[in-house]
Amino acid sequence: RLLPVEQLPAANSLNMTVMMAGAIAGPMVGGALIPVVGYSW
């Protein structure tokens, strides 16, 4: 409803790239921060 059909593959690729980048960076950052700042932060 937001984009023309021809832009859907590019839009989905952009979304998935962000999600997978987060899947890499999140555990690395989280694992490093837990001993320093604790879970609540």
PDB file of all heavy atoms in Angstrom:
ATOM      1  N   ARG A   1       0.825  -1.209   0.000  1.00  0.00           N
ATOM      2  CA  ARG A   1       0.000   0.000   0.000  1.00  0.00           C
ATOM      3  C   ARG A   1       0.864   1.265   0.000  1.00  0.00           C
ATOM      4  O   ARG A   1       0.370   2.352  -0.285  1.00  0.00           O
ATOM      5  CB  ARG A   1      -0.918  -0.001   1.233  1.00  0.00           C
ATOM      6  CG  ARG A   1      -1.907  -1.162   1.269  1.00  0.00           C
ATOM      7  CD  ARG A   1      -3.079  -0.917   0.333  1.00  0.00           C
ATOM      8  NE  ARG A   1      -3.837   0.249   0.762  1.00  0.00           N
ATOM      9  CZ  ARG A   1      -4.765   0.221   1.722  1.00  0.00           C
ATOM     10  NH1 ARG A   1      -5.039  -0.919   2.350  1.00  0.00           N
ATOM     11  NH2 ARG A   1      -5.420   1.319   2.057  1.00  0.00           N
ATOM     12  N   LEU A   2       2.149   1.112   0.348  1.00  0.00           N
ATOM     13  CA  LEU A   2       3.040   2.265   0.411  1.00  0.00           C
ATOM     14  C   LEU A   2       3.920   2.396  -0.829  1.00  0.00           C
ATOM     15  O   LEU A   2       4.320   3.507  -1.188  1.00  0.00           O
ATOM     16  CB  LEU A   2       3.955   2.164   1.643  1.00  0.00           C
ATOM     17  CG  LEU A   2       3.283   2.128   3.015  1.00  0.00           C
ATOM     18  CD1 LEU A   2       4.346   1.984   4.099  1.00  0.00           C
ATOM     19  CD2 LEU A   2       2.432   3.368   3.253  1.00  0.00           C
ATOM     20  N   LEU A   3       4.226   1.262  -1.479  1.00  0.00           N
ATOM     21  CA  LEU A   3       5.223   1.258  -2.551  1.00  0.00           C
ATOM     22  C   LEU A   3       4.672   0.598  -3.806  1.00  0.00           C
ATOM     23  O   LEU A   3       3.809  -0.288  -3.725  1.00  0.00           O
ATOM     24  CB  LEU A   3       6.479   0.495  -2.106  1.00  0.00           C
ATOM     25  CG  LEU A   3       7.251   1.060  -0.921  1.00  0.00           C
ATOM     26  CD1 LEU A   3       8.262   0.031  -0.429  1.00  0.00           C
ATOM     27  CD2 LEU A   3       7.948   2.355  -1.307  1.00  0.00           C
ATOM     28  N   PRO A   4       5.187   0.974  -4.990  1.00  0.00           N
ATOM     29  CA  PRO A   4       4.817   0.270  -6.215  1.00  0.00           C
ATOM     30  C   PRO A   4       5.396  -1.141  -6.233  1.00  0.00           C
ATOM     31  O   PRO A   4       6.395  -1.426  -5.559  1.00  0.00           O
ATOM     32  CB  PRO A   4       5.430   1.133  -7.329  1.00  0.00           C
ATOM     33  CG  PRO A   4       6.512   1.912  -6.664  1.00  0.00           C
ATOM     34  CD  PRO A   4       6.076   2.130  -5.252  1.00  0.00           C
ATOM     35  N   VAL A   5       4.777  -2.028  -7.013  1.00  0.00           N
ATOM     36  CA  VAL A   5       5.155  -3.446  -7.035  1.00  0.00           C
ATOM     37  C   VAL A   5       6.630  -3.631  -7.363  1.00  0.00           C
ATOM     38  O   VAL A   5       7.320  -4.465  -6.758  1.00  0.00           O
ATOM     39  CB  VAL A   5       4.275  -4.210  -8.052  1.00  0.00           C
ATOM     40  CG1 VAL A   5       4.812  -5.624  -8.263  1.00  0.00           C
ATOM     41  CG2 VAL A   5       2.840  -4.262  -7.578  1.00  0.00           C
ATOM     42  N   GLU A   6       7.152  -2.846  -8.313  1.00  0.00           N
ATOM     43  CA  GLU A   6       8.537  -3.051  -8.751  1.00  0.00           C
ATOM     44  C   GLU A   6       9.556  -2.713  -7.667  1.00  0.00           C
ATOM     45  O   GLU A   6      10.718  -3.121  -7.758  1.00  0.00           O
ATOM     46  CB  GLU A   6       8.836  -2.232 -10.009  1.00  0.00           C
ATOM     47  CG  GLU A   6       8.711  -0.729  -9.836  1.00  0.00           C
ATOM     48  CD  GLU A   6       7.310  -0.205 -10.115  1.00  0.00           C
ATOM     49  OE1 GLU A   6       6.367  -1.033 -10.173  1.00  0.00           O
ATOM     50  OE2 GLU A   6       7.164   1.012 -10.290  1.00  0.00           O
ATOM     51  N   GLN A   7       9.139  -1.992  -6.615  1.00  0.00           N
ATOM     52  CA  GLN A   7      10.065  -1.650  -5.536  1.00  0.00           C
ATOM     53  C   GLN A   7       9.997  -2.615  -4.356  1.00  0.00           C
ATOM     54  O   GLN A   7      10.799  -2.496  -3.417  1.00  0.00           O
ATOM     55  CB  GLN A   7       9.801  -0.223  -5.048  1.00  0.00           C
ATOM     56  CG  GLN A   7      10.191   0.854  -6.045  1.00  0.00           C
ATOM     57  CD  GLN A   7      10.062   2.250  -5.467  1.00  0.00           C
ATOM     58  OE1 GLN A   7       9.724   2.435  -4.296  1.00  0.00           O
ATOM     59  NE2 GLN A   7      10.324   3.262  -6.286  1.00  0.00           N
ATOM     60  N   LEU A   8       9.082  -3.575  -4.394  1.00  0.00           N
ATOM     61  CA  LEU A   8       8.917  -4.471  -3.241  1.00  0.00           C
ATOM     62  C   LEU A   8      10.155  -5.330  -2.971  1.00  0.00           C
ATOM     63  O   LEU A   8      10.555  -5.470  -1.806  1.00  0.00           O
ATOM     64  CB  LEU A   8       7.679  -5.350  -3.431  1.00  0.00           C
ATOM     65  CG  LEU A   8       6.331  -4.625  -3.346  1.00  0.00           C
ATOM     66  CD1 LEU A   8       5.185  -5.606  -3.605  1.00  0.00           C
ATOM     67  CD2 LEU A   8       6.156  -3.963  -1.974  1.00  0.00           C
ATOM     68  N   PRO A   9      10.794  -5.962  -3.993  1.00  0.00           N
ATOM     69  CA  PRO A   9      12.009  -6.735  -3.680  1.00  0.00           C
ATOM     70  C   PRO A   9      13.091  -5.892  -3.007  1.00  0.00           C
ATOM     71  O   PRO A   9      13.730  -6.340  -2.048  1.00  0.00           O
ATOM     72  CB  PRO A   9      12.467  -7.252  -5.051  1.00  0.00           C
ATOM     73  CG  PRO A   9      11.223  -7.284  -5.879  1.00  0.00           C
ATOM     74  CD  PRO A   9      10.431  -6.095  -5.414  1.00  0.00           C
ATOM     75  N   ALA A  10      13.303  -4.666  -3.506  1.00  0.00           N
ATOM     76  CA  ALA A  10      14.323  -3.797  -2.908  1.00  0.00           C
ATOM     77  C   ALA A  10      13.942  -3.426  -1.480  1.00  0.00           C
ATOM     78  O   ALA A  10      14.791  -3.407  -0.576  1.00  0.00           O
ATOM     79  CB  ALA A  10      14.503  -2.537  -3.748  1.00  0.00           C
ATOM     80  N   ALA A  11      12.660  -3.129  -1.245  1.00  0.00           N
ATOM     81  CA  ALA A  11      12.209  -2.758   0.093  1.00  0.00           C
ATOM     82  C   ALA A  11      12.368  -3.918   1.065  1.00  0.00           C
ATOM     83  O   ALA A  11      12.836  -3.740   2.203  1.00  0.00           O
ATOM     84  CB  ALA A  11      10.751  -2.302   0.045  1.00  0.00           C
ATOM     85  N   ASN A  12      11.976  -5.131   0.640  1.00  0.00           N
ATOM     86  CA  ASN A  12      12.130  -6.297   1.511  1.00  0.00           C
ATOM     87  C   ASN A  12      13.593  -6.586   1.791  1.00  0.00           C
ATOM     88  O   ASN A  12      13.960  -6.985   2.902  1.00  0.00           O
ATOM     89  CB  ASN A  12      11.454  -7.510   0.871  1.00  0.00           C
ATOM     90  CG  ASN A  12       9.939  -7.451   0.962  1.00  0.00           C
ATOM     91  OD1 ASN A  12       9.390  -7.205   2.029  1.00  0.00           O
ATOM     92  ND2 ASN A  12       9.258  -7.648  -0.156  1.00  0.00           N
ATOM     93  N   SER A  13      14.448  -6.385   0.785  1.00  0.00           N
ATOM     94  CA  SER A  13      15.882  -6.587   0.986  1.00  0.00           C
ATOM     95  C   SER A  13      16.436  -5.593   2.000  1.00  0.00           C
ATOM     96  O   SER A  13      17.230  -5.969   2.887  1.00  0.00           O
ATOM     97  CB  SER A  13      16.622  -6.446  -0.343  1.00  0.00           C
ATOM     98  OG  SER A  13      18.013  -6.534  -0.158  1.00  0.00           O
ATOM     99  N   LEU A  14      16.024  -4.337   1.917  1.00  0.00           N
ATOM    100  CA  LEU A  14      16.472  -3.333   2.884  1.00  0.00           C
ATOM    101  C   LEU A  14      16.041  -3.707   4.299  1.00  0.00           C
ATOM    102  O   LEU A  14      16.827  -3.607   5.254  1.00  0.00           O
ATOM    103  CB  LEU A  14      15.905  -1.959   2.507  1.00  0.00           C
ATOM    104  CG  LEU A  14      16.517  -1.283   1.270  1.00  0.00           C
ATOM    105  CD1 LEU A  14      15.691  -0.070   0.867  1.00  0.00           C
ATOM    106  CD2 LEU A  14      17.965  -0.874   1.538  1.00  0.00           C
ATOM    107  N   ASN A  15      14.792  -4.148   4.444  1.00  0.00           N
ATOM    108  CA  ASN A  15      14.300  -4.538   5.774  1.00  0.00           C
ATOM    109  C   ASN A  15      15.061  -5.736   6.322  1.00  0.00           C
ATOM    110  O   ASN A  15      15.452  -5.769   7.495  1.00  0.00           O
ATOM    111  CB  ASN A  15      12.807  -4.866   5.699  1.00  0.00           C
ATOM    112  CG  ASN A  15      11.943  -3.622   5.581  1.00  0.00           C
ATOM    113  OD1 ASN A  15      12.348  -2.526   5.978  1.00  0.00           O
ATOM    114  ND2 ASN A  15      10.742  -3.776   5.049  1.00  0.00           N
ATOM    115  N   MET A  16      15.280  -6.739   5.474  1.00  0.00           N
ATOM    116  CA  MET A  16      15.962  -7.955   5.929  1.00  0.00           C
ATOM    117  C   MET A  16      17.421  -7.688   6.271  1.00  0.00           C
ATOM    118  O   MET A  16      17.971  -8.286   7.197  1.00  0.00           O
ATOM    119  CB  MET A  16      15.859  -9.033   4.850  1.00  0.00           C
ATOM    120  CG  MET A  16      14.455  -9.567   4.657  1.00  0.00           C
ATOM    121  SD  MET A  16      14.351 -10.734   3.281  1.00  0.00           S
ATOM    122  CE  MET A  16      12.567 -10.993   3.215  1.00  0.00           C
ATOM    123  N   THR A  17      18.048  -6.794   5.525  1.00  0.00           N
ATOM    124  CA  THR A  17      19.443  -6.461   5.818  1.00  0.00           C
ATOM    125  C   THR A  17      19.575  -5.857   7.205  1.00  0.00           C
ATOM    126  O   THR A  17      20.487  -6.203   7.972  1.00  0.00           O
ATOM    127  CB  THR A  17      19.986  -5.478   4.757  1.00  0.00           C
ATOM    128  OG1 THR A  17      19.886  -6.081   3.462  1.00  0.00           O
ATOM    129  CG2 THR A  17      21.443  -5.135   5.030  1.00  0.00           C
ATOM    130  N   VAL A  18      18.658  -4.960   7.549  1.00  0.00           N
ATOM    131  CA  VAL A  18      18.676  -4.350   8.881  1.00  0.00           C
ATOM    132  C   VAL A  18      18.453  -5.412   9.954  1.00  0.00           C
ATOM    133  O   VAL A  18      19.145  -5.445  10.985  1.00  0.00           O
ATOM    134  CB  VAL A  18      17.608  -3.242   8.980  1.00  0.00           C
ATOM    135  CG1 VAL A  18      17.446  -2.772  10.426  1.00  0.00           C
ATOM    136  CG2 VAL A  18      17.987  -2.069   8.096  1.00  0.00           C
ATOM    137  N   MET A  19      17.490  -6.310   9.715  1.00  0.00           N
ATOM    138  CA  MET A  19      17.197  -7.345  10.710  1.00  0.00           C
ATOM    139  C   MET A  19      18.403  -8.260  10.937  1.00  0.00           C
ATOM    140  O   MET A  19      18.737  -8.589  12.075  1.00  0.00           O
ATOM    141  CB  MET A  19      15.988  -8.175  10.247  1.00  0.00           C
ATOM    142  CG  MET A  19      14.675  -7.414  10.229  1.00  0.00           C
ATOM    143  SD  MET A  19      14.172  -6.826  11.861  1.00  0.00           S
ATOM    144  CE  MET A  19      13.892  -8.391  12.696  1.00  0.00           C
ATOM    145  N   MET A  20      19.055  -8.673   9.853  1.00  0.00           N
ATOM    146  CA  MET A  20      20.189  -9.580  10.002  1.00  0.00           C
ATOM    147  C   MET A  20      21.394  -8.877  10.604  1.00  0.00           C
ATOM    148  O   MET A  20      22.158  -9.476  11.370  1.00  0.00           O
ATOM    149  CB  MET A  20      20.548 -10.199   8.648  1.00  0.00           C
ATOM    150  CG  MET A  20      19.458 -11.062   8.050  1.00  0.00           C
ATOM    151  SD  MET A  20      18.749 -12.284   9.192  1.00  0.00           S
ATOM    152  CE  MET A  20      20.155 -13.327   9.502  1.00  0.00           C
ATOM    153  N   ALA A  21      21.581  -7.600  10.267  1.00  0.00           N
ATOM    154  CA  ALA A  21      22.671  -6.848  10.897  1.00  0.00           C
ATOM    155  C   ALA A  21      22.448  -6.758  12.400  1.00  0.00           C
ATOM    156  O   ALA A  21      23.388  -6.888  13.204  1.00  0.00           O
ATOM    157  CB  ALA A  21      22.772  -5.451  10.285  1.00  0.00           C
ATOM    158  N   GLY A  22      21.198  -6.549  12.788  1.00  0.00           N
ATOM    159  CA  GLY A  22      20.873  -6.530  14.213  1.00  0.00           C
ATOM    160  C   GLY A  22      21.102  -7.875  14.870  1.00  0.00           C
ATOM    161  O   GLY A  22      21.536  -7.955  16.023  1.00  0.00           O
ATOM    162  N   ALA A  23      20.814  -8.959  14.116  1.00  0.00           N
ATOM    163  CA  ALA A  23      21.020 -10.304  14.661  1.00  0.00           C
ATOM    164  C   ALA A  23      22.494 -10.596  14.916  1.00  0.00           C
ATOM    165  O   ALA A  23      22.827 -11.435  15.751  1.00  0.00           O
ATOM    166  CB  ALA A  23      20.439 -11.341  13.693  1.00  0.00           C
ATOM    167  N   ILE A  24      23.380  -9.907  14.178  1.00  0.00           N
ATOM    168  CA  ILE A  24      24.822 -10.062  14.416  1.00  0.00           C
ATOM    169  C   ILE A  24      25.277  -9.142  15.542  1.00  0.00           C
ATOM    170  O   ILE A  24      25.943  -9.564  16.493  1.00  0.00           O
ATOM    171  CB  ILE A  24      25.621  -9.748  13.134  1.00  0.00           C
ATOM    172  CG1 ILE A  24      25.257 -10.731  12.021  1.00  0.00           C
ATOM    173  CG2 ILE A  24      27.123  -9.808  13.409  1.00  0.00           C
ATOM    174  CD1 ILE A  24      25.830 -10.357  10.672  1.00  0.00           C
ATOM    175  N   ALA A  25      24.918  -7.855  15.430  1.00  0.00           N
ATOM    176  CA  ALA A  25      25.422  -6.860  16.381  1.00  0.00           C
ATOM    177  C   ALA A  25      24.786  -6.991  17.761  1.00  0.00           C
ATOM    178  O   ALA A  25      25.465  -6.811  18.776  1.00  0.00           O
ATOM    179  CB  ALA A  25      25.171  -5.449  15.830  1.00  0.00           C
ATOM    180  N   GLY A  26      23.487  -7.309  17.807  1.00  0.00           N
ATOM    181  CA  GLY A  26      22.785  -7.371  19.089  1.00  0.00           C
ATOM    182  C   GLY A  26      23.413  -8.326  20.088  1.00  0.00           C
ATOM    183  O   GLY A  26      23.731  -7.938  21.221  1.00  0.00           O
ATOM    184  N   PRO A  27      23.616  -9.617  19.710  1.00  0.00           N
ATOM    185  CA  PRO A  27      24.246 -10.547  20.653  1.00  0.00           C
ATOM    186  C   PRO A  27      25.653 -10.131  21.062  1.00  0.00           C
ATOM    187  O   PRO A  27      26.050 -10.312  22.217  1.00  0.00           O
ATOM    188  CB  PRO A  27      24.261 -11.866  19.862  1.00  0.00           C
ATOM    189  CG  PRO A  27      23.124 -11.748  18.913  1.00  0.00           C
ATOM    190  CD  PRO A  27      23.088 -10.303  18.518  1.00  0.00           C
ATOM    191  N   MET A  28      26.421  -9.559  20.116  1.00  0.00           N
ATOM    192  CA  MET A  28      27.780  -9.134  20.460  1.00  0.00           C
ATOM    193  C   MET A  28      27.745  -8.000  21.483  1.00  0.00           C
ATOM    194  O   MET A  28      28.449  -8.035  22.498  1.00  0.00           O
ATOM    195  CB  MET A  28      28.510  -8.681  19.197  1.00  0.00           C
ATOM    196  CG  MET A  28      28.796  -9.797  18.203  1.00  0.00           C
ATOM    197  SD  MET A  28      29.508  -9.191  16.665  1.00  0.00           S
ATOM    198  CE  MET A  28      31.034  -8.479  17.276  1.00  0.00           C
ATOM    199  N   VAL A  29      26.899  -6.991  21.214  1.00  0.00           N
ATOM    200  CA  VAL A  29      26.797  -5.858  22.128  1.00  0.00           C
ATOM    201  C   VAL A  29      26.185  -6.286  23.460  1.00  0.00           C
ATOM    202  O   VAL A  29      26.679  -5.928  24.536  1.00  0.00           O
ATOM    203  CB  VAL A  29      25.964  -4.725  21.490  1.00  0.00           C
ATOM    204  CG1 VAL A  29      25.733  -3.597  22.482  1.00  0.00           C
ATOM    205  CG2 VAL A  29      26.656  -4.198  20.238  1.00  0.00           C
ATOM    206  N   GLY A  30      25.101  -7.081  23.382  1.00  0.00           N
ATOM    207  CA  GLY A  30      24.437  -7.524  24.608  1.00  0.00           C
ATOM    208  C   GLY A  30      25.341  -8.364  25.487  1.00  0.00           C
ATOM    209  O   GLY A  30      25.412  -8.165  26.702  1.00  0.00           O
ATOM    210  N   GLY A  31      26.050  -9.315  24.852  1.00  0.00           N
ATOM    211  CA  GLY A  31      26.955 -10.157  25.625  1.00  0.00           C
ATOM    212  C   GLY A  31      28.052  -9.365  26.314  1.00  0.00           C
ATOM    213  O   GLY A  31      28.464  -9.692  27.434  1.00  0.00           O
ATOM    214  N   ALA A  32      28.511  -8.296  25.647  1.00  0.00           N
ATOM    215  CA  ALA A  32      29.558  -7.465  26.242  1.00  0.00           C
ATOM    216  C   ALA A  32      29.019  -6.564  27.346  1.00  0.00           C
ATOM    217  O   ALA A  32      29.722  -6.279  28.326  1.00  0.00           O
ATOM    218  CB  ALA A  32      30.225  -6.620  25.154  1.00  0.00           C
ATOM    219  N   LEU A  33      27.764  -6.109  27.206  1.00  0.00           N
ATOM    220  CA  LEU A  33      27.212  -5.143  28.154  1.00  0.00           C
ATOM    221  C   LEU A  33      26.674  -5.777  29.439  1.00  0.00           C
ATOM    222  O   LEU A  33      26.680  -5.134  30.486  1.00  0.00           O
ATOM    223  CB  LEU A  33      26.081  -4.339  27.495  1.00  0.00           C
ATOM    224  CG  LEU A  33      26.491  -3.273  26.482  1.00  0.00           C
ATOM    225  CD1 LEU A  33      25.252  -2.580  25.925  1.00  0.00           C
ATOM    226  CD2 LEU A  33      27.413  -2.244  27.135  1.00  0.00           C
ATOM    227  N   ILE A  34      26.206  -7.024  29.371  1.00  0.00           N
ATOM    228  CA  ILE A  34      25.593  -7.637  30.557  1.00  0.00           C
ATOM    229  C   ILE A  34      26.514  -7.602  31.778  1.00  0.00           C
ATOM    230  O   ILE A  34      26.094  -7.193  32.871  1.00  0.00           O
ATOM    231  CB  ILE A  34      25.136  -9.085  30.256  1.00  0.00           C
ATOM    232  CG1 ILE A  34      23.888  -9.065  29.367  1.00  0.00           C
ATOM    233  CG2 ILE A  34      24.823  -9.841  31.554  1.00  0.00           C
ATOM    234  CD1 ILE A  34      23.458 -10.437  28.890  1.00  0.00           C
ATOM    235  N   PRO A  35      27.800  -7.995  31.659  1.00  0.00           N
ATOM    236  CA  PRO A  35      28.652  -7.941  32.856  1.00  0.00           C
ATOM    237  C   PRO A  35      28.941  -6.517  33.329  1.00  0.00           C
ATOM    238  O   PRO A  35      29.299  -6.320  34.494  1.00  0.00           O
ATOM    239  CB  PRO A  35      29.952  -8.618  32.385  1.00  0.00           C
ATOM    240  CG  PRO A  35      29.613  -9.338  31.135  1.00  0.00           C
ATOM    241  CD  PRO A  35      28.509  -8.547  30.498  1.00  0.00           C
ATOM    242  N   VAL A  36      28.767  -5.539  32.449  1.00  0.00           N
ATOM    243  CA  VAL A  36      29.125  -4.162  32.779  1.00  0.00           C
ATOM    244  C   VAL A  36      27.956  -3.396  33.386  1.00  0.00           C
ATOM    245  O   VAL A  36      28.100  -2.740  34.430  1.00  0.00           O
ATOM    246  CB  VAL A  36      29.646  -3.419  31.522  1.00  0.00           C
ATOM    247  CG1 VAL A  36      29.997  -1.965  31.860  1.00  0.00           C
ATOM    248  CG2 VAL A  36      30.853  -4.142  30.940  1.00  0.00           C
ATOM    249  N   VAL A  37      26.780  -3.477  32.728  1.00  0.00           N
ATOM    250  CA  VAL A  37      25.646  -2.643  33.149  1.00  0.00           C
ATOM    251  C   VAL A  37      24.483  -3.451  33.705  1.00  0.00           C
ATOM    252  O   VAL A  37      23.539  -2.878  34.265  1.00  0.00           O
ATOM    253  CB  VAL A  37      25.159  -1.751  31.988  1.00  0.00           C
ATOM    254  CG1 VAL A  37      26.262  -0.837  31.506  1.00  0.00           C
ATOM    255  CG2 VAL A  37      24.621  -2.604  30.835  1.00  0.00           C
ATOM    256  N   GLY A  38      24.490  -4.783  33.528  1.00  0.00           N
ATOM    257  CA  GLY A  38      23.401  -5.605  34.038  1.00  0.00           C
ATOM    258  C   GLY A  38      22.235  -5.697  33.064  1.00  0.00           C
ATOM    259  O   GLY A  38      22.204  -5.038  32.028  1.00  0.00           O
ATOM    260  N   TYR A  39      21.254  -6.517  33.426  1.00  0.00           N
ATOM    261  CA  TYR A  39      20.132  -6.798  32.535  1.00  0.00           C
ATOM    262  C   TYR A  39      19.177  -5.615  32.398  1.00  0.00           C
ATOM    263  O   TYR A  39      18.621  -5.376  31.325  1.00  0.00           O
ATOM    264  CB  TYR A  39      19.358  -8.020  33.045  1.00  0.00           C
ATOM    265  CG  TYR A  39      20.203  -9.256  33.170  1.00  0.00           C
ATOM    266  CD1 TYR A  39      20.584  -9.731  34.425  1.00  0.00           C
ATOM    267  CD2 TYR A  39      20.630  -9.949  32.046  1.00  0.00           C
ATOM    268  CE1 TYR A  39      21.374 -10.872  34.549  1.00  0.00           C
ATOM    269  CE2 TYR A  39      21.420 -11.085  32.162  1.00  0.00           C
ATOM    270  CZ  TYR A  39      21.785 -11.539  33.415  1.00  0.00           C
ATOM    271  OH  TYR A  39      22.570 -12.649  33.526  1.00  0.00           O
ATOM    272  N   SER A  40      18.950  -4.895  33.467  1.00  0.00           N
ATOM    273  CA  SER A  40      17.918  -3.857  33.447  1.00  0.00           C
ATOM    274  C   SER A  40      18.217  -2.796  32.395  1.00  0.00           C
ATOM    275  O   SER A  40      17.298  -2.298  31.724  1.00  0.00           O
ATOM    276  CB  SER A  40      17.779  -3.214  34.827  1.00  0.00           C
ATOM    277  OG  SER A  40      18.986  -2.580  35.219  1.00  0.00           O
ATOM    278  N   TRP A  41      19.478  -2.443  32.211  1.00  0.00           N
ATOM    279  CA  TRP A  41      19.813  -1.419  31.228  1.00  0.00           C
ATOM    280  C   TRP A  41      19.554  -1.906  29.803  1.00  0.00           C
ATOM    281  O   TRP A  41      19.152  -1.119  28.938  1.00  0.00           O
ATOM    282  CB  TRP A  41      21.271  -0.984  31.395  1.00  0.00           C
ATOM    283  CG  TRP A  41      21.439   0.054  32.458  1.00  0.00           C
ATOM    284  CD1 TRP A  41      21.846  -0.141  33.744  1.00  0.00           C
ATOM    285  CD2 TRP A  41      21.163   1.455  32.331  1.00  0.00           C
ATOM    286  NE1 TRP A  41      21.844   1.050  34.433  1.00  0.00           N
ATOM    287  CE2 TRP A  41      21.432   2.050  33.583  1.00  0.00           C
ATOM    288  CE3 TRP A  41      20.715   2.263  31.286  1.00  0.00           C
ATOM    289  CZ2 TRP A  41      21.270   3.411  33.818  1.00  0.00           C
ATOM    290  CZ3 TRP A  41      20.550   3.615  31.508  1.00  0.00           C
ATOM    291  CH2 TRP A  41      20.824   4.182  32.765  1.00  0.00           C
TER     292      TRP A  41
END
